[in-house]
Amino acid sequence: MPKLPFGDVGPCEVIWDYGESGAMLLGVTLGGVSLKMETETVDIKEDQAGSAAVDAVFTGSVISLDCIFSRSTLEQIEAMLQGTIEDGQVLPILNRVGCDMYDDAKAIVLKPLCGNVVSTDPAEWIHLYHCYPIPGFDLMFDVDTQRTLPITFKVFVSKESGYEGEFGTIGMASGSAVI
């Protein structure tokens, strides 16, 4: 019976800065990982067709990756908040204003899990070429609420030669790096 290449149900790992020496697992999630693509179009109309569209034109797509991380280490939070740990234990929370994102965007790979085992088959992975984390949090300190760090990654189309206009791939070539 057919199924999606990355499975039909289950969690995934989120690998940040994939393909580079600093690649890291961003931690476990609570509440899922949502990869969303929205494509917009503009209707083409003619008086003779009234208000009905006679054609349509694509005007672009937007992809975002929403993750809710739980139990992250300070190093994982450092990567997600794009800060720098000071004195080995202090991470300033920055107010970023007027900063470009594309040049600091990094690749992300999503790897599905089955039975708590991470897929080692690159054909099941999703590769996003240029992602930048946009942090936001609402930390609750009480006896019932587990604290989480929700991060939305803005996914950019590639400007790199040979990949112009691509966001990434569903599936990767065999022999792709495990981390």
C-alpha atoms as a PDB file:
ATOM      1  CA  MET A   1       0.000   0.000   0.000  1.00  0.00           C
ATOM      2  CA  PRO A   2       1.400   3.465  -0.877  1.00  0.00           C
ATOM      3  CA  LYS A   3       2.506   5.902   1.803  1.00  0.00           C
ATOM      4  CA  LEU A   4       4.189   9.268   1.982  1.00  0.00           C
ATOM      5  CA  PRO A   5       7.984   9.043   1.530  1.00  0.00           C
ATOM      6  CA  PHE A   6       8.537  10.361   5.077  1.00  0.00           C
ATOM      7  CA  GLY A   7       5.833   8.186   6.672  1.00  0.00           C
ATOM      8  CA  ASP A   8       2.219   8.831   7.511  1.00  0.00           C
ATOM      9  CA  VAL A   9       2.424   9.564  11.261  1.00  0.00           C
ATOM     10  CA  GLY A  10       5.073  10.250  13.882  1.00  0.00           C
ATOM     11  CA  PRO A  11       7.585  12.773  15.198  1.00  0.00           C
ATOM     12  CA  CYS A  12      10.821  13.907  13.578  1.00  0.00           C
ATOM     13  CA  GLU A  13      14.267  15.191  14.439  1.00  0.00           C
ATOM     14  CA  VAL A  14      15.195  18.727  13.425  1.00  0.00           C
ATOM     15  CA  ILE A  15      18.841  19.033  12.361  1.00  0.00           C
ATOM     16  CA  TRP A  16      20.134  22.624  12.250  1.00  0.00           C
ATOM     17  CA  ASP A  17      23.012  23.711   9.976  1.00  0.00           C
ATOM     18  CA  TYR A  18      22.876  20.379   8.145  1.00  0.00           C
ATOM     19  CA  GLY A  19      25.974  19.510   6.138  1.00  0.00           C
ATOM     20  CA  GLU A  20      28.290  21.742   8.169  1.00  0.00           C
ATOM     21  CA  SER A  21      30.696  20.887  10.986  1.00  0.00           C
ATOM     22  CA  GLY A  22      28.469  22.709  13.501  1.00  0.00           C
ATOM     23  CA  ALA A  23      25.333  20.700  12.640  1.00  0.00           C
ATOM     24  CA  MET A  24      23.221  19.881  15.684  1.00  0.00           C
ATOM     25  CA  LEU A  25      20.000  18.261  16.738  1.00  0.00           C
ATOM     26  CA  LEU A  26      17.835  21.106  18.059  1.00  0.00           C
ATOM     27  CA  GLY A  27      16.257  18.969  20.757  1.00  0.00           C
ATOM     28  CA  VAL A  28      13.036  17.134  21.385  1.00  0.00           C
ATOM     29  CA  THR A  29       9.675  18.618  20.509  1.00  0.00           C
ATOM     30  CA  LEU A  30       6.380  18.807  22.332  1.00  0.00           C
ATOM     31  CA  GLY A  31       3.343  19.594  20.241  1.00  0.00           C
ATOM     32  CA  GLY A  32       4.732  18.633  16.879  1.00  0.00           C
ATOM     33  CA  VAL A  33       6.662  20.086  13.974  1.00  0.00           C
ATOM     34  CA  SER A  34       4.649  21.795  11.245  1.00  0.00           C
ATOM     35  CA  LEU A  35       6.033  22.423   7.768  1.00  0.00           C
ATOM     36  CA  LYS A  36       3.604  24.676   5.927  1.00  0.00           C
ATOM     37  CA  MET A  37       3.656  25.889   2.326  1.00  0.00           C
ATOM     38  CA  GLU A  38       1.164  28.435   1.027  1.00  0.00           C
ATOM     39  CA  THR A  39       1.039  29.360  -2.659  1.00  0.00           C
ATOM     40  CA  GLU A  40      -0.694  32.476  -3.885  1.00  0.00           C
ATOM     41  CA  THR A  41      -2.260  33.139  -7.270  1.00  0.00           C
ATOM     42  CA  VAL A  42      -3.906  36.055  -9.029  1.00  0.00           C
ATOM     43  CA  ASP A  43      -6.971  35.494 -11.187  1.00  0.00           C
ATOM     44  CA  ILE A  44      -6.972  36.654 -14.782  1.00  0.00           C
ATOM     45  CA  LYS A  45     -10.381  37.975 -15.819  1.00  0.00           C
ATOM     46  CA  GLU A  46     -12.097  39.166 -18.964  1.00  0.00           C
ATOM     47  CA  ASP A  47     -15.240  41.276 -19.224  1.00  0.00           C
ATOM     48  CA  GLN A  48     -16.842  38.597 -21.366  1.00  0.00           C
ATOM     49  CA  ALA A  49     -16.531  36.006 -18.553  1.00  0.00           C
ATOM     50  CA  GLY A  50     -17.996  38.270 -15.903  1.00  0.00           C
ATOM     51  CA  SER A  51     -16.552  37.678 -12.442  1.00  0.00           C
ATOM     52  CA  ALA A  52     -15.298  34.181 -13.320  1.00  0.00           C
ATOM     53  CA  ALA A  53     -11.555  33.671 -13.730  1.00  0.00           C
ATOM     54  CA  VAL A  54     -10.444  32.642 -17.218  1.00  0.00           C
ATOM     55  CA  ASP A  55      -6.916  31.795 -16.020  1.00  0.00           C
ATOM     56  CA  ALA A  56      -4.653  32.356 -13.034  1.00  0.00           C
ATOM     57  CA  VAL A  57      -0.993  33.193 -12.488  1.00  0.00           C
ATOM     58  CA  PHE A  58       1.228  31.983  -9.662  1.00  0.00           C
ATOM     59  CA  THR A  59       2.571  34.904  -7.604  1.00  0.00           C
ATOM     60  CA  GLY A  60       4.801  32.954  -5.235  1.00  0.00           C
ATOM     61  CA  SER A  61       4.971  30.583  -2.321  1.00  0.00           C
ATOM     62  CA  VAL A  62       5.864  30.977   1.334  1.00  0.00           C
ATOM     63  CA  ILE A  63       7.169  28.140   3.488  1.00  0.00           C
ATOM     64  CA  SER A  64       7.471  28.183   7.269  1.00  0.00           C
ATOM     65  CA  LEU A  65       8.592  25.556   9.734  1.00  0.00           C
ATOM     66  CA  ASP A  66       7.024  25.744  13.201  1.00  0.00           C
ATOM     67  CA  CYS A  67       8.634  23.760  16.019  1.00  0.00           C
ATOM     68  CA  ILE A  68       7.912  23.653  19.723  1.00  0.00           C
ATOM     69  CA  PHE A  69      11.081  22.544  21.477  1.00  0.00           C
ATOM     70  CA  SER A  70      11.179  21.169  24.992  1.00  0.00           C
ATOM     71  CA  ARG A  71      14.024  20.405  27.368  1.00  0.00           C
ATOM     72  CA  SER A  72      16.616  22.130  25.160  1.00  0.00           C
ATOM     73  CA  THR A  73      20.210  22.644  26.270  1.00  0.00           C
ATOM     74  CA  LEU A  74      21.721  26.123  26.484  1.00  0.00           C
ATOM     75  CA  GLU A  75      23.733  25.347  23.313  1.00  0.00           C
ATOM     76  CA  GLN A  76      20.555  24.399  21.436  1.00  0.00           C
ATOM     77  CA  ILE A  77      18.814  27.562  22.652  1.00  0.00           C
ATOM     78  CA  GLU A  78      21.875  29.575  21.577  1.00  0.00           C
ATOM     79  CA  ALA A  79      21.469  28.268  18.009  1.00  0.00           C
ATOM     80  CA  MET A  80      17.734  28.989  17.971  1.00  0.00           C
ATOM     81  CA  LEU A  81      18.009  32.493  19.453  1.00  0.00           C
ATOM     82  CA  GLN A  82      21.069  33.325  17.321  1.00  0.00           C
ATOM     83  CA  GLY A  83      22.939  34.572  20.356  1.00  0.00           C
ATOM     84  CA  THR A  84      26.322  33.839  21.910  1.00  0.00           C
ATOM     85  CA  ILE A  85      26.791  32.178  25.292  1.00  0.00           C
ATOM     86  CA  GLU A  86      28.907  34.297  27.631  1.00  0.00           C
ATOM     87  CA  ASP A  87      30.941  32.877  30.538  1.00  0.00           C
ATOM     88  CA  GLY A  88      29.695  29.400  29.654  1.00  0.00           C
ATOM     89  CA  GLN A  89      26.276  29.938  31.237  1.00  0.00           C
ATOM     90  CA  VAL A  90      24.724  33.263  30.198  1.00  0.00           C
ATOM     91  CA  LEU A  91      22.799  33.744  26.946  1.00  0.00           C
ATOM     92  CA  PRO A  92      21.678  37.334  26.281  1.00  0.00           C
ATOM     93  CA  ILE A  93      18.207  37.694  24.758  1.00  0.00           C
ATOM     94  CA  LEU A  94      18.725  40.077  21.842  1.00  0.00           C
ATOM     95  CA  ASN A  95      16.440  42.608  20.193  1.00  0.00           C
ATOM     96  CA  ARG A  96      17.225  42.240  16.494  1.00  0.00           C
ATOM     97  CA  VAL A  97      16.285  45.271  14.416  1.00  0.00           C
ATOM     98  CA  GLY A  98      17.262  45.969  10.821  1.00  0.00           C
ATOM     99  CA  CYS A  99      19.229  42.716  10.369  1.00  0.00           C
ATOM    100  CA  ASP A 100      19.135  40.705   7.143  1.00  0.00           C
ATOM    101  CA  MET A 101      18.367  37.008   7.574  1.00  0.00           C
ATOM    102  CA  TYR A 102      19.317  35.239   4.332  1.00  0.00           C
ATOM    103  CA  ASP A 103      23.109  35.329   4.782  1.00  0.00           C
ATOM    104  CA  ASP A 104      22.802  33.810   8.270  1.00  0.00           C
ATOM    105  CA  ALA A 105      20.142  31.264   7.274  1.00  0.00           C
ATOM    106  CA  LYS A 106      21.173  27.612   7.563  1.00  0.00           C
ATOM    107  CA  ALA A 107      20.022  24.303   6.157  1.00  0.00           C
ATOM    108  CA  ILE A 108      17.568  22.175   8.124  1.00  0.00           C
ATOM    109  CA  VAL A 109      16.851  18.493   7.622  1.00  0.00           C
ATOM    110  CA  LEU A 110      13.779  16.807   9.073  1.00  0.00           C
ATOM    111  CA  LYS A 111      14.231  13.085   9.772  1.00  0.00           C
ATOM    112  CA  PRO A 112      11.196  10.998  10.731  1.00  0.00           C
ATOM    113  CA  LEU A 113      11.260   8.595  13.672  1.00  0.00           C
ATOM    114  CA  CYS A 114       9.728   5.140  13.851  1.00  0.00           C
ATOM    115  CA  GLY A 115       9.732   3.337  17.190  1.00  0.00           C
ATOM    116  CA  ASN A 116      12.048   6.038  18.624  1.00  0.00           C
ATOM    117  CA  VAL A 117      14.595   5.217  15.906  1.00  0.00           C
ATOM    118  CA  VAL A 118      15.633   8.031  13.563  1.00  0.00           C
ATOM    119  CA  SER A 119      15.431   7.272   9.860  1.00  0.00           C
ATOM    120  CA  THR A 120      18.810   6.609   8.254  1.00  0.00           C
ATOM    121  CA  ASP A 121      17.267   6.567   4.768  1.00  0.00           C
ATOM    122  CA  PRO A 122      17.825   9.945   3.070  1.00  0.00           C
ATOM    123  CA  ALA A 123      14.895   9.218   0.733  1.00  0.00           C
ATOM    124  CA  GLU A 124      12.640   9.790   3.808  1.00  0.00           C
ATOM    125  CA  TRP A 125      14.195  13.126   4.823  1.00  0.00           C
ATOM    126  CA  ILE A 126      13.105  16.682   4.007  1.00  0.00           C
ATOM    127  CA  HIS A 127      15.912  19.144   3.245  1.00  0.00           C
ATOM    128  CA  LEU A 128      15.289  22.899   3.518  1.00  0.00           C
ATOM    129  CA  TYR A 129      18.212  24.916   2.135  1.00  0.00           C
ATOM    130  CA  HIS A 130      17.966  28.318   3.865  1.00  0.00           C
ATOM    131  CA  CYS A 131      16.112  28.702   7.184  1.00  0.00           C
ATOM    132  CA  TYR A 132      16.304  31.413   9.801  1.00  0.00           C
ATOM    133  CA  PRO A 133      14.845  31.043  13.316  1.00  0.00           C
ATOM    134  CA  ILE A 134      12.361  33.610  14.519  1.00  0.00           C
ATOM    135  CA  PRO A 135      12.053  32.956  18.256  1.00  0.00           C
ATOM    136  CA  GLY A 136       9.136  33.688  20.465  1.00  0.00           C
ATOM    137  CA  PHE A 137       8.271  32.342  23.848  1.00  0.00           C
ATOM    138  CA  ASP A 138       5.732  32.543  26.592  1.00  0.00           C
ATOM    139  CA  LEU A 139       7.367  30.846  29.562  1.00  0.00           C
ATOM    140  CA  MET A 140       4.968  29.782  32.285  1.00  0.00           C
ATOM    141  CA  PHE A 141       6.310  29.146  35.770  1.00  0.00           C
ATOM    142  CA  ASP A 142       3.719  27.097  37.638  1.00  0.00           C
ATOM    143  CA  VAL A 143       3.225  23.507  38.837  1.00  0.00           C
ATOM    144  CA  ASP A 144       1.330  22.202  35.794  1.00  0.00           C
ATOM    145  CA  THR A 145       2.788  23.734  32.635  1.00  0.00           C
ATOM    146  CA  GLN A 146       5.802  22.317  30.848  1.00  0.00           C
ATOM    147  CA  ARG A 147       7.992  25.117  29.513  1.00  0.00           C
ATOM    148  CA  THR A 148       8.650  25.087  25.779  1.00  0.00           C
ATOM    149  CA  LEU A 149      10.444  27.230  23.228  1.00  0.00           C
ATOM    150  CA  PRO A 150       8.360  27.735  20.078  1.00  0.00           C
ATOM    151  CA  ILE A 151      10.430  28.679  17.047  1.00  0.00           C
ATOM    152  CA  THR A 152       9.213  29.562  13.579  1.00  0.00           C
ATOM    153  CA  PHE A 153      11.821  29.152  10.885  1.00  0.00           C
ATOM    154  CA  LYS A 154      11.418  31.397   7.864  1.00  0.00           C
ATOM    155  CA  VAL A 155      12.367  29.350   4.805  1.00  0.00           C
ATOM    156  CA  PHE A 156      13.904  31.323   1.942  1.00  0.00           C
ATOM    157  CA  VAL A 157      14.143  30.393  -1.726  1.00  0.00           C
ATOM    158  CA  SER A 158      17.710  29.703  -2.698  1.00  0.00           C
ATOM    159  CA  LYS A 159      19.782  32.245  -4.578  1.00  0.00           C
ATOM    160  CA  GLU A 160      22.618  29.745  -5.009  1.00  0.00           C
ATOM    161  CA  SER A 161      23.682  28.703  -8.506  1.00  0.00           C
ATOM    162  CA  GLY A 162      21.781  25.656  -9.709  1.00  0.00           C
ATOM    163  CA  TYR A 163      19.184  25.952  -6.923  1.00  0.00           C
ATOM    164  CA  GLU A 164      17.645  29.359  -7.734  1.00  0.00           C
ATOM    165  CA  GLY A 165      13.999  29.513  -6.733  1.00  0.00           C
ATOM    166  CA  GLU A 166      14.088  26.217  -4.785  1.00  0.00           C
ATOM    167  CA  PHE A 167      13.193  25.885  -1.118  1.00  0.00           C
ATOM    168  CA  GLY A 168      14.653  22.402  -0.718  1.00  0.00           C
ATOM    169  CA  THR A 169      13.742  18.798  -1.432  1.00  0.00           C
ATOM    170  CA  ILE A 170      11.469  16.022  -0.263  1.00  0.00           C
ATOM    171  CA  GLY A 171      13.908  13.137  -0.105  1.00  0.00           C
ATOM    172  CA  MET A 172      17.669  13.349  -0.456  1.00  0.00           C
ATOM    173  CA  ALA A 173      20.207  11.414  -2.485  1.00  0.00           C
ATOM    174  CA  SER A 174      21.523   8.181  -1.045  1.00  0.00           C
ATOM    175  CA  GLY A 175      24.844   8.694   0.695  1.00  0.00           C
ATOM    176  CA  SER A 176      23.758  11.993   2.272  1.00  0.00           C
ATOM    177  CA  ALA A 177      25.383  12.680   5.643  1.00  0.00           C
ATOM    178  CA  VAL A 178      23.662  11.045   8.607  1.00  0.00           C
ATOM    179  CA  ILE A 179      23.738  14.198  10.797  1.00  0.00           C
END
